[in-house]
Amino acid sequence: MMKELVNFFLSSSFLKKSCFLVFLGVLCVSCKNFRERNCYEDKMFIDNGKPNVNNLDNTIYKSGSKFIYSIHFFKDNIEYILELKGLRREPILVQKKDIDDDATRINKFILTVFKGTYKSILQDQTIIKYDYYYDDCPIGALSELSGIIEDERMIYLHPPRTSSGFSFFEVTPFPSINFPLELNKEWTGNLYIHDDMKQYLKINESQIHSKYHIVGKEQIRSKTMGVMDCFVIHCKSFAKGKIVSYCKYYFNEKFGFVKLDIAHRGRTIIIELKAVK
C-alpha cells in the first residue's frame, strides 16, 4: 500500500497537476500583490472625493467614470509588444515571437476621472489618473496624475506620459477639440517642455507646435462599444519647423476621444476605447 502511494505521488500526471495548481496559485497571488502594491505605493493618487468645481459642467469626462483603452504598436505592418526591462523599467518594443516571459508588458491603460481635487496641481482642471495594465493585471507603481479641461469652449486632454513607453505623447498633438464642432474647422496649439520633463521622458524637444483640422465624419465599429459616429481630426506636430508626428483622432460626442492613430518616428501607435464604466 505504501509503495502504491509513493508511486502515485511521483507519477508524471500527479506532478503535472500539482505544478499547474501551484502555477495558478502563484499567478493569482502575483496579480493580487500587483493590486495591493499599486494601492499601497500610490496612496497619493487616491481620490479625496472633495467636490471639484471644474467637474460640474463635464458632459463626457464625468466624476468617477473610467475610460479603458487598448494600445498597440506597429512598424512596417508588424505588431510589436511594449516590454519594460530591468529595475528601471526601460521600454522596448519586441515582436510577439521575441517576448520575454519574465518582462513586464503593457497593452492597456485606464483613465479614471477623480471626483475631487489635488492640492498642489491642476487647480483649474478636472483631475484624472492613469493606471497601466497587461490584460487585466495592473502594473504597480506606474500610476500618474494629469488633467482635463472640459467646458463649453473646448476639451483638452492631457495624455498618459510615463517614461515607461509613453514619452511619445509629449511630442504628439494632445487630444483636443474646439466647440462648436464644424467641418473644416482648424486650430493650433503650443506646448513648452521644461528641462526636468525632457530629462524624465528622455526627449530633446523644448517646444511643440500642433495643428488640428476637422476633415470629416466617420463611423467607428467596436466589438465592445458598438457603432460610434465620430468627427475625424487630422493633426500634425512640429519642432523647430520639422514634422514630428502625423495623427488622426476620432472624437465622439458621447464618449470623447475613442481612437487615436499616431504615426511617430517610423512607428504607428493605435489607441482605442474599449469600455466606459
C-alpha atoms as a PDB file:
ATOM      1  CA  MET A   1       0.000   0.000   0.000  1.00  0.00           C
ATOM      2  CA  MET A   2       2.794   2.447   0.949  1.00  0.00           C
ATOM      3  CA  LYS A   3       4.621   1.645  -2.285  1.00  0.00           C
ATOM      4  CA  GLU A   4       1.498   2.382  -4.323  1.00  0.00           C
ATOM      5  CA  LEU A   5       1.088   5.780  -2.606  1.00  0.00           C
ATOM      6  CA  VAL A   6       4.710   6.694  -3.270  1.00  0.00           C
ATOM      7  CA  ASN A   7       4.376   5.711  -6.934  1.00  0.00           C
ATOM      8  CA  PHE A   8       1.207   7.806  -7.212  1.00  0.00           C
ATOM      9  CA  PHE A   9       2.820  10.950  -5.749  1.00  0.00           C
ATOM     10  CA  LEU A  10       5.815  10.535  -8.037  1.00  0.00           C
ATOM     11  CA  SER A  11       3.730   9.877 -11.152  1.00  0.00           C
ATOM     12  CA  SER A  12       4.044  12.349 -14.009  1.00  0.00           C
ATOM     13  CA  SER A  13       0.282  13.024 -14.105  1.00  0.00           C
ATOM     14  CA  PHE A  14       0.204  13.954 -10.429  1.00  0.00           C
ATOM     15  CA  LEU A  15       3.286  16.156 -10.734  1.00  0.00           C
ATOM     16  CA  LYS A  16       1.865  17.921 -13.765  1.00  0.00           C
ATOM     17  CA  LYS A  17      -1.427  18.624 -11.978  1.00  0.00           C
ATOM     18  CA  SER A  18       0.413  19.781  -8.844  1.00  0.00           C
ATOM     19  CA  CYS A  19       2.698  22.091 -10.815  1.00  0.00           C
ATOM     20  CA  PHE A  20      -0.278  23.509 -12.683  1.00  0.00           C
ATOM     21  CA  LEU A  21      -2.136  24.246  -9.432  1.00  0.00           C
ATOM     22  CA  VAL A  22       0.978  25.846  -7.925  1.00  0.00           C
ATOM     23  CA  PHE A  23       1.365  27.950 -11.096  1.00  0.00           C
ATOM     24  CA  LEU A  24      -2.250  29.125 -10.851  1.00  0.00           C
ATOM     25  CA  GLY A  25      -1.760  29.967  -7.195  1.00  0.00           C
ATOM     26  CA  VAL A  26       1.384  31.981  -7.907  1.00  0.00           C
ATOM     27  CA  LEU A  27      -0.340  33.746 -10.791  1.00  0.00           C
ATOM     28  CA  CYS A  28      -3.322  34.722  -8.638  1.00  0.00           C
ATOM     29  CA  VAL A  29      -1.092  35.837  -5.763  1.00  0.00           C
ATOM     30  CA  SER A  30       1.084  37.759  -8.227  1.00  0.00           C
ATOM     31  CA  CYS A  31      -1.861  39.711  -9.625  1.00  0.00           C
ATOM     32  CA  LYS A  32      -3.213  40.226  -6.095  1.00  0.00           C
ATOM     33  CA  ASN A  33       0.173  41.538  -4.997  1.00  0.00           C
ATOM     34  CA  PHE A  34       0.245  43.850  -8.011  1.00  0.00           C
ATOM     35  CA  ARG A  35      -3.079  45.318  -6.909  1.00  0.00           C
ATOM     36  CA  GLU A  36      -2.055  45.649  -3.268  1.00  0.00           C
ATOM     37  CA  ARG A  37       1.282  47.138  -4.205  1.00  0.00           C
ATOM     38  CA  ASN A  38      -0.383  49.547  -6.591  1.00  0.00           C
ATOM     39  CA  CYS A  39      -2.807  50.759  -3.916  1.00  0.00           C
ATOM     40  CA  TYR A  40      -0.160  50.864  -1.191  1.00  0.00           C
ATOM     41  CA  GLU A  41       2.527  52.698  -3.139  1.00  0.00           C
ATOM     42  CA  ASP A  42       0.121  55.107  -4.793  1.00  0.00           C
ATOM     43  CA  LYS A  43      -1.783  56.459  -1.782  1.00  0.00           C
ATOM     44  CA  MET A  44      -1.071  59.963  -3.067  1.00  0.00           C
ATOM     45  CA  PHE A  45      -3.191  59.029  -6.095  1.00  0.00           C
ATOM     46  CA  ILE A  46      -6.308  58.158  -4.130  1.00  0.00           C
ATOM     47  CA  ASP A  47      -9.269  60.421  -4.914  1.00  0.00           C
ATOM     48  CA  ASN A  48     -10.016  62.625  -1.886  1.00  0.00           C
ATOM     49  CA  GLY A  49     -13.648  62.994  -3.006  1.00  0.00           C
ATOM     50  CA  LYS A  50     -13.840  66.717  -2.239  1.00  0.00           C
ATOM     51  CA  PRO A  51     -16.077  68.280  -4.918  1.00  0.00           C
ATOM     52  CA  ASN A  52     -14.103  69.792  -7.789  1.00  0.00           C
ATOM     53  CA  VAL A  53     -15.916  72.788  -9.298  1.00  0.00           C
ATOM     54  CA  ASN A  54     -14.135  72.091 -12.587  1.00  0.00           C
ATOM     55  CA  ASN A  55     -16.181  68.886 -12.951  1.00  0.00           C
ATOM     56  CA  LEU A  56     -19.603  70.494 -12.749  1.00  0.00           C
ATOM     57  CA  ASP A  57     -20.013  71.200 -16.477  1.00  0.00           C
ATOM     58  CA  ASN A  58     -18.405  67.978 -17.704  1.00  0.00           C
ATOM     59  CA  THR A  59     -20.701  66.019 -20.019  1.00  0.00           C
ATOM     60  CA  ILE A  60     -18.187  63.361 -21.150  1.00  0.00           C
ATOM     61  CA  TYR A  61     -15.417  63.039 -18.578  1.00  0.00           C
ATOM     62  CA  LYS A  62     -17.717  62.865 -15.558  1.00  0.00           C
ATOM     63  CA  SER A  63     -16.660  62.399 -11.940  1.00  0.00           C
ATOM     64  CA  GLY A  64     -15.922  58.770 -11.079  1.00  0.00           C
ATOM     65  CA  SER A  65     -16.031  57.457 -14.645  1.00  0.00           C
ATOM     66  CA  LYS A  66     -13.371  55.163 -16.092  1.00  0.00           C
ATOM     67  CA  PHE A  67     -12.262  55.028 -19.730  1.00  0.00           C
ATOM     68  CA  ILE A  68     -10.487  51.800 -20.672  1.00  0.00           C
ATOM     69  CA  TYR A  69      -8.127  51.916 -23.665  1.00  0.00           C
ATOM     70  CA  SER A  70      -6.064  49.351 -25.545  1.00  0.00           C
ATOM     71  CA  ILE A  71      -2.726  50.321 -27.079  1.00  0.00           C
ATOM     72  CA  HIS A  72      -0.910  48.605 -29.962  1.00  0.00           C
ATOM     73  CA  PHE A  73       2.393  49.391 -31.664  1.00  0.00           C
ATOM     74  CA  PHE A  74       3.263  48.637 -35.297  1.00  0.00           C
ATOM     75  CA  LYS A  75       6.294  49.002 -37.514  1.00  0.00           C
ATOM     76  CA  ASP A  76       6.239  48.001 -41.194  1.00  0.00           C
ATOM     77  CA  ASN A  77       2.783  46.482 -40.580  1.00  0.00           C
ATOM     78  CA  ILE A  78       4.195  44.129 -37.930  1.00  0.00           C
ATOM     79  CA  GLU A  79       2.795  44.364 -34.417  1.00  0.00           C
ATOM     80  CA  TYR A  80       5.214  44.906 -31.543  1.00  0.00           C
ATOM     81  CA  ILE A  81       4.682  44.451 -27.823  1.00  0.00           C
ATOM     82  CA  LEU A  82       5.746  47.043 -25.250  1.00  0.00           C
ATOM     83  CA  GLU A  83       8.029  45.431 -22.646  1.00  0.00           C
ATOM     84  CA  LEU A  84       9.658  47.028 -19.623  1.00  0.00           C
ATOM     85  CA  LYS A  85      13.162  45.770 -18.858  1.00  0.00           C
ATOM     86  CA  GLY A  86      15.062  45.764 -15.596  1.00  0.00           C
ATOM     87  CA  LEU A  87      14.564  47.684 -12.369  1.00  0.00           C
ATOM     88  CA  ARG A  88      14.425  50.974 -14.273  1.00  0.00           C
ATOM     89  CA  ARG A  89      11.630  49.600 -16.459  1.00  0.00           C
ATOM     90  CA  GLU A  90      13.279  50.690 -19.676  1.00  0.00           C
ATOM     91  CA  PRO A  91      10.728  50.400 -22.515  1.00  0.00           C
ATOM     92  CA  ILE A  92      11.491  48.315 -25.583  1.00  0.00           C
ATOM     93  CA  LEU A  93       9.316  47.081 -28.439  1.00  0.00           C
ATOM     94  CA  VAL A  94       9.595  43.419 -29.372  1.00  0.00           C
ATOM     95  CA  GLN A  95       7.784  41.168 -31.811  1.00  0.00           C
ATOM     96  CA  LYS A  96       5.473  38.551 -30.357  1.00  0.00           C
ATOM     97  CA  LYS A  97       7.946  35.794 -31.187  1.00  0.00           C
ATOM     98  CA  ASP A  98      10.603  37.524 -29.060  1.00  0.00           C
ATOM     99  CA  ILE A  99       8.518  38.125 -25.931  1.00  0.00           C
ATOM    100  CA  ASP A 100      10.396  37.688 -22.655  1.00  0.00           C
ATOM    101  CA  ASP A 101       8.088  35.816 -20.296  1.00  0.00           C
ATOM    102  CA  ASP A 102       9.803  37.430 -17.293  1.00  0.00           C
ATOM    103  CA  ALA A 103       9.387  41.006 -18.535  1.00  0.00           C
ATOM    104  CA  THR A 104       6.568  43.380 -17.605  1.00  0.00           C
ATOM    105  CA  ARG A 105       4.319  44.217 -20.556  1.00  0.00           C
ATOM    106  CA  ILE A 106       1.703  46.917 -21.198  1.00  0.00           C
ATOM    107  CA  ASN A 107      -1.226  46.709 -23.611  1.00  0.00           C
ATOM    108  CA  LYS A 108      -3.906  48.685 -21.779  1.00  0.00           C
ATOM    109  CA  PHE A 109      -4.390  51.787 -19.673  1.00  0.00           C
ATOM    110  CA  ILE A 110      -7.317  53.179 -17.706  1.00  0.00           C
ATOM    111  CA  LEU A 111      -8.206  56.858 -17.375  1.00  0.00           C
ATOM    112  CA  THR A 112     -10.078  57.487 -14.114  1.00  0.00           C
ATOM    113  CA  VAL A 113     -11.819  60.820 -13.558  1.00  0.00           C
ATOM    114  CA  PHE A 114     -11.379  61.990  -9.980  1.00  0.00           C
ATOM    115  CA  LYS A 115     -14.346  63.400  -8.106  1.00  0.00           C
ATOM    116  CA  GLY A 116     -12.050  65.523  -6.010  1.00  0.00           C
ATOM    117  CA  THR A 117      -9.181  67.975  -6.276  1.00  0.00           C
ATOM    118  CA  TYR A 118      -5.449  67.698  -5.748  1.00  0.00           C
ATOM    119  CA  LYS A 119      -3.961  70.357  -3.529  1.00  0.00           C
ATOM    120  CA  SER A 120      -0.751  71.177  -5.402  1.00  0.00           C
ATOM    121  CA  ILE A 121      -1.543  70.765  -9.109  1.00  0.00           C
ATOM    122  CA  LEU A 122      -4.110  71.487 -11.772  1.00  0.00           C
ATOM    123  CA  GLN A 123      -6.281  73.855  -9.749  1.00  0.00           C
ATOM    124  CA  ASP A 124      -8.296  74.812 -12.849  1.00  0.00           C
ATOM    125  CA  GLN A 125      -8.767  71.317 -14.301  1.00  0.00           C
ATOM    126  CA  THR A 126     -10.594  68.054 -13.752  1.00  0.00           C
ATOM    127  CA  ILE A 127      -8.113  65.633 -12.164  1.00  0.00           C
ATOM    128  CA  ILE A 128      -7.530  62.296 -13.877  1.00  0.00           C
ATOM    129  CA  LYS A 129      -5.365  59.307 -13.096  1.00  0.00           C
ATOM    130  CA  TYR A 130      -3.759  56.860 -15.490  1.00  0.00           C
ATOM    131  CA  ASP A 131      -3.112  53.238 -14.498  1.00  0.00           C
ATOM    132  CA  TYR A 132      -1.333  50.720 -16.708  1.00  0.00           C
ATOM    133  CA  TYR A 133      -2.158  47.068 -17.316  1.00  0.00           C
ATOM    134  CA  TYR A 134      -1.253  43.958 -19.196  1.00  0.00           C
ATOM    135  CA  ASP A 135      -4.672  42.496 -19.952  1.00  0.00           C
ATOM    136  CA  ASP A 136      -6.337  42.582 -16.508  1.00  0.00           C
ATOM    137  CA  CYS A 137      -3.181  42.569 -14.389  1.00  0.00           C
ATOM    138  CA  PRO A 138      -2.178  46.042 -13.115  1.00  0.00           C
ATOM    139  CA  ILE A 139       1.402  47.261 -13.320  1.00  0.00           C
ATOM    140  CA  GLY A 140       2.405  48.550  -9.889  1.00  0.00           C
ATOM    141  CA  ALA A 141       3.968  51.955  -9.196  1.00  0.00           C
ATOM    142  CA  LEU A 142       3.271  53.428 -12.637  1.00  0.00           C
ATOM    143  CA  SER A 143       0.187  55.493 -11.860  1.00  0.00           C
ATOM    144  CA  GLU A 144       0.276  59.162 -12.812  1.00  0.00           C
ATOM    145  CA  LEU A 145      -1.941  62.176 -12.243  1.00  0.00           C
ATOM    146  CA  SER A 146      -2.905  64.573 -15.002  1.00  0.00           C
ATOM    147  CA  GLY A 147      -5.830  66.747 -16.021  1.00  0.00           C
ATOM    148  CA  ILE A 148      -8.629  67.531 -18.459  1.00  0.00           C
ATOM    149  CA  ILE A 149     -10.227  70.814 -19.393  1.00  0.00           C
ATOM    150  CA  GLU A 150     -13.832  70.294 -20.442  1.00  0.00           C
ATOM    151  CA  ASP A 151     -16.166  73.270 -20.801  1.00  0.00           C
ATOM    152  CA  GLU A 152     -18.414  74.934 -23.372  1.00  0.00           C
ATOM    153  CA  ARG A 153     -15.377  76.124 -25.352  1.00  0.00           C
ATOM    154  CA  MET A 154     -13.190  73.045 -25.617  1.00  0.00           C
ATOM    155  CA  ILE A 155     -11.956  69.672 -24.411  1.00  0.00           C
ATOM    156  CA  TYR A 156      -8.234  69.450 -23.790  1.00  0.00           C
ATOM    157  CA  LEU A 157      -6.955  66.079 -22.624  1.00  0.00           C
ATOM    158  CA  HIS A 158      -3.513  65.560 -21.137  1.00  0.00           C
ATOM    159  CA  PRO A 159      -2.475  62.097 -22.381  1.00  0.00           C
ATOM    160  CA  PRO A 160      -0.537  59.458 -20.401  1.00  0.00           C
ATOM    161  CA  ARG A 161       3.167  60.262 -20.431  1.00  0.00           C
ATOM    162  CA  THR A 162       5.050  57.822 -18.233  1.00  0.00           C
ATOM    163  CA  SER A 163       8.667  57.383 -19.298  1.00  0.00           C
ATOM    164  CA  SER A 164       7.971  53.633 -19.396  1.00  0.00           C
ATOM    165  CA  GLY A 165       6.892  53.622 -23.036  1.00  0.00           C
ATOM    166  CA  PHE A 166       4.599  56.660 -23.368  1.00  0.00           C
ATOM    167  CA  SER A 167       7.093  59.513 -23.893  1.00  0.00           C
ATOM    168  CA  PHE A 168       5.902  59.873 -27.495  1.00  0.00           C
ATOM    169  CA  PHE A 169       2.710  61.523 -26.226  1.00  0.00           C
ATOM    170  CA  GLU A 170       4.671  64.594 -25.109  1.00  0.00           C
ATOM    171  CA  VAL A 171       5.669  65.436 -28.685  1.00  0.00           C
ATOM    172  CA  THR A 172       2.452  64.469 -30.491  1.00  0.00           C
ATOM    173  CA  PRO A 173      -0.634  66.725 -30.545  1.00  0.00           C
ATOM    174  CA  PHE A 174      -2.521  66.462 -27.270  1.00  0.00           C
ATOM    175  CA  PRO A 175      -6.093  65.265 -27.906  1.00  0.00           C
ATOM    176  CA  SER A 176      -8.202  68.419 -28.058  1.00  0.00           C
ATOM    177  CA  ILE A 177     -11.353  69.693 -29.696  1.00  0.00           C
ATOM    178  CA  ASN A 178     -12.753  73.217 -30.025  1.00  0.00           C
ATOM    179  CA  PHE A 179     -16.506  73.841 -29.944  1.00  0.00           C
ATOM    180  CA  PRO A 180     -18.733  74.182 -31.820  1.00  0.00           C
ATOM    181  CA  LEU A 181     -17.848  71.113 -33.880  1.00  0.00           C
ATOM    182  CA  GLU A 182     -17.738  72.104 -37.545  1.00  0.00           C
ATOM    183  CA  LEU A 183     -16.298  70.504 -40.666  1.00  0.00           C
ATOM    184  CA  ASN A 184     -13.097  72.185 -41.916  1.00  0.00           C
ATOM    185  CA  LYS A 185     -12.545  73.864 -38.567  1.00  0.00           C
ATOM    186  CA  GLU A 186      -8.863  74.478 -37.766  1.00  0.00           C
ATOM    187  CA  TRP A 187      -6.922  75.488 -34.676  1.00  0.00           C
ATOM    188  CA  THR A 188      -3.392  75.351 -33.305  1.00  0.00           C
ATOM    189  CA  GLY A 189      -1.639  74.695 -30.020  1.00  0.00           C
ATOM    190  CA  ASN A 190       1.768  75.214 -28.438  1.00  0.00           C
ATOM    191  CA  LEU A 191       3.482  73.192 -25.739  1.00  0.00           C
ATOM    192  CA  TYR A 192       6.614  74.299 -23.892  1.00  0.00           C
ATOM    193  CA  ILE A 193       8.525  71.417 -22.326  1.00  0.00           C
ATOM    194  CA  HIS A 194      10.512  72.081 -19.159  1.00  0.00           C
ATOM    195  CA  ASP A 195      14.027  70.728 -18.808  1.00  0.00           C
ATOM    196  CA  ASP A 196      13.083  68.368 -15.976  1.00  0.00           C
ATOM    197  CA  MET A 197      10.305  66.903 -18.135  1.00  0.00           C
ATOM    198  CA  LYS A 198      12.730  66.497 -21.043  1.00  0.00           C
ATOM    199  CA  GLN A 199      15.118  64.651 -18.775  1.00  0.00           C
ATOM    200  CA  TYR A 200      12.392  62.443 -17.289  1.00  0.00           C
ATOM    201  CA  LEU A 201      10.963  61.497 -20.700  1.00  0.00           C
ATOM    202  CA  LYS A 202      14.367  61.352 -22.425  1.00  0.00           C
ATOM    203  CA  ILE A 203      13.353  63.664 -25.241  1.00  0.00           C
ATOM    204  CA  ASN A 204      15.176  66.547 -26.922  1.00  0.00           C
ATOM    205  CA  GLU A 205      12.325  68.823 -27.992  1.00  0.00           C
ATOM    206  CA  SER A 206      11.736  72.033 -25.995  1.00  0.00           C
ATOM    207  CA  GLN A 207       8.676  73.322 -27.836  1.00  0.00           C
ATOM    208  CA  ILE A 208       5.957  71.581 -29.841  1.00  0.00           C
ATOM    209  CA  HIS A 209       3.622  73.352 -32.229  1.00  0.00           C
ATOM    210  CA  SER A 210       0.480  71.443 -33.217  1.00  0.00           C
ATOM    211  CA  LYS A 211      -2.089  71.967 -35.968  1.00  0.00           C
ATOM    212  CA  TYR A 212      -5.610  70.489 -35.972  1.00  0.00           C
ATOM    213  CA  HIS A 213      -8.162  70.200 -38.775  1.00  0.00           C
ATOM    214  CA  ILE A 214     -11.628  68.573 -38.667  1.00  0.00           C
ATOM    215  CA  VAL A 215     -11.723  66.833 -42.057  1.00  0.00           C
ATOM    216  CA  GLY A 216     -14.972  64.844 -41.914  1.00  0.00           C
ATOM    217  CA  LYS A 217     -17.127  62.289 -40.136  1.00  0.00           C
ATOM    218  CA  GLU A 218     -16.731  58.517 -39.912  1.00  0.00           C
ATOM    219  CA  GLN A 219     -18.269  55.634 -38.032  1.00  0.00           C
ATOM    220  CA  ILE A 220     -16.093  53.543 -35.749  1.00  0.00           C
ATOM    221  CA  ARG A 221     -17.283  49.976 -35.229  1.00  0.00           C
ATOM    222  CA  SER A 222     -16.185  48.365 -31.995  1.00  0.00           C
ATOM    223  CA  LYS A 223     -16.990  44.906 -30.622  1.00  0.00           C
ATOM    224  CA  THR A 224     -17.308  46.336 -27.134  1.00  0.00           C
ATOM    225  CA  MET A 225     -18.626  49.866 -27.800  1.00  0.00           C
ATOM    226  CA  GLY A 226     -20.819  49.294 -30.858  1.00  0.00           C
ATOM    227  CA  VAL A 227     -21.073  51.829 -33.686  1.00  0.00           C
ATOM    228  CA  MET A 228     -19.881  55.338 -32.846  1.00  0.00           C
ATOM    229  CA  ASP A 229     -20.298  58.411 -35.024  1.00  0.00           C
ATOM    230  CA  CYS A 230     -17.105  60.429 -34.929  1.00  0.00           C
ATOM    231  CA  PHE A 231     -15.596  63.677 -36.076  1.00  0.00           C
ATOM    232  CA  VAL A 232     -12.222  62.981 -37.684  1.00  0.00           C
ATOM    233  CA  ILE A 233      -9.388  65.340 -36.802  1.00  0.00           C
ATOM    234  CA  HIS A 234      -6.117  65.378 -38.734  1.00  0.00           C
ATOM    235  CA  CYS A 235      -3.229  66.658 -36.644  1.00  0.00           C
ATOM    236  CA  LYS A 236       0.472  67.362 -37.054  1.00  0.00           C
ATOM    237  CA  SER A 237       3.128  68.295 -34.540  1.00  0.00           C
ATOM    238  CA  PHE A 238       6.275  70.288 -35.321  1.00  0.00           C
ATOM    239  CA  ALA A 239       9.551  71.027 -33.535  1.00  0.00           C
ATOM    240  CA  LYS A 240      11.867  73.693 -34.955  1.00  0.00           C
ATOM    241  CA  GLY A 241       9.818  73.677 -38.143  1.00  0.00           C
ATOM    242  CA  LYS A 242      10.211  69.930 -38.741  1.00  0.00           C
ATOM    243  CA  ILE A 243       7.305  67.491 -38.591  1.00  0.00           C
ATOM    244  CA  VAL A 244       7.444  65.222 -35.545  1.00  0.00           C
ATOM    245  CA  SER A 245       4.192  63.284 -35.979  1.00  0.00           C
ATOM    246  CA  TYR A 246       1.066  62.807 -38.080  1.00  0.00           C
ATOM    247  CA  CYS A 247      -2.105  61.859 -36.230  1.00  0.00           C
ATOM    248  CA  LYS A 248      -5.714  61.010 -36.901  1.00  0.00           C
ATOM    249  CA  TYR A 249      -8.033  61.396 -33.929  1.00  0.00           C
ATOM    250  CA  TYR A 250     -11.652  60.232 -33.708  1.00  0.00           C
ATOM    251  CA  PHE A 251     -13.959  62.213 -31.416  1.00  0.00           C
ATOM    252  CA  ASN A 252     -17.415  61.021 -30.359  1.00  0.00           C
ATOM    253  CA  GLU A 253     -19.808  63.460 -28.679  1.00  0.00           C
ATOM    254  CA  LYS A 254     -20.817  60.917 -26.018  1.00  0.00           C
ATOM    255  CA  PHE A 255     -17.540  59.125 -25.249  1.00  0.00           C
ATOM    256  CA  GLY A 256     -14.910  61.691 -26.203  1.00  0.00           C
ATOM    257  CA  PHE A 257     -11.746  60.509 -27.938  1.00  0.00           C
ATOM    258  CA  VAL A 258     -12.453  56.926 -28.972  1.00  0.00           C
ATOM    259  CA  LYS A 259      -9.486  56.272 -31.262  1.00  0.00           C
ATOM    260  CA  LEU A 260      -6.033  57.779 -31.745  1.00  0.00           C
ATOM    261  CA  ASP A 261      -3.993  56.784 -34.804  1.00  0.00           C
ATOM    262  CA  ILE A 262      -0.464  58.144 -34.378  1.00  0.00           C
ATOM    263  CA  ALA A 263       2.496  57.997 -36.789  1.00  0.00           C
ATOM    264  CA  HIS A 264       5.709  58.892 -34.985  1.00  0.00           C
ATOM    265  CA  ARG A 265       9.326  58.136 -35.928  1.00  0.00           C
ATOM    266  CA  GLY A 266       8.598  55.148 -38.123  1.00  0.00           C
ATOM    267  CA  ARG A 267       6.045  53.626 -35.778  1.00  0.00           C
ATOM    268  CA  THR A 268       2.267  53.525 -35.796  1.00  0.00           C
ATOM    269  CA  ILE A 269       0.506  53.597 -32.439  1.00  0.00           C
ATOM    270  CA  ILE A 270      -3.193  52.710 -32.256  1.00  0.00           C
ATOM    271  CA  ILE A 271      -5.155  53.545 -29.120  1.00  0.00           C
ATOM    272  CA  GLU A 272      -8.817  52.506 -28.935  1.00  0.00           C
ATOM    273  CA  LEU A 273     -11.535  52.963 -26.349  1.00  0.00           C
ATOM    274  CA  LYS A 274     -12.795  49.554 -25.208  1.00  0.00           C
ATOM    275  CA  ALA A 275     -15.194  50.414 -22.393  1.00  0.00           C
ATOM    276  CA  VAL A 276     -16.559  53.210 -20.214  1.00  0.00           C
ATOM    277  CA  LYS A 277     -17.602  52.467 -16.646  1.00  0.00           C
END
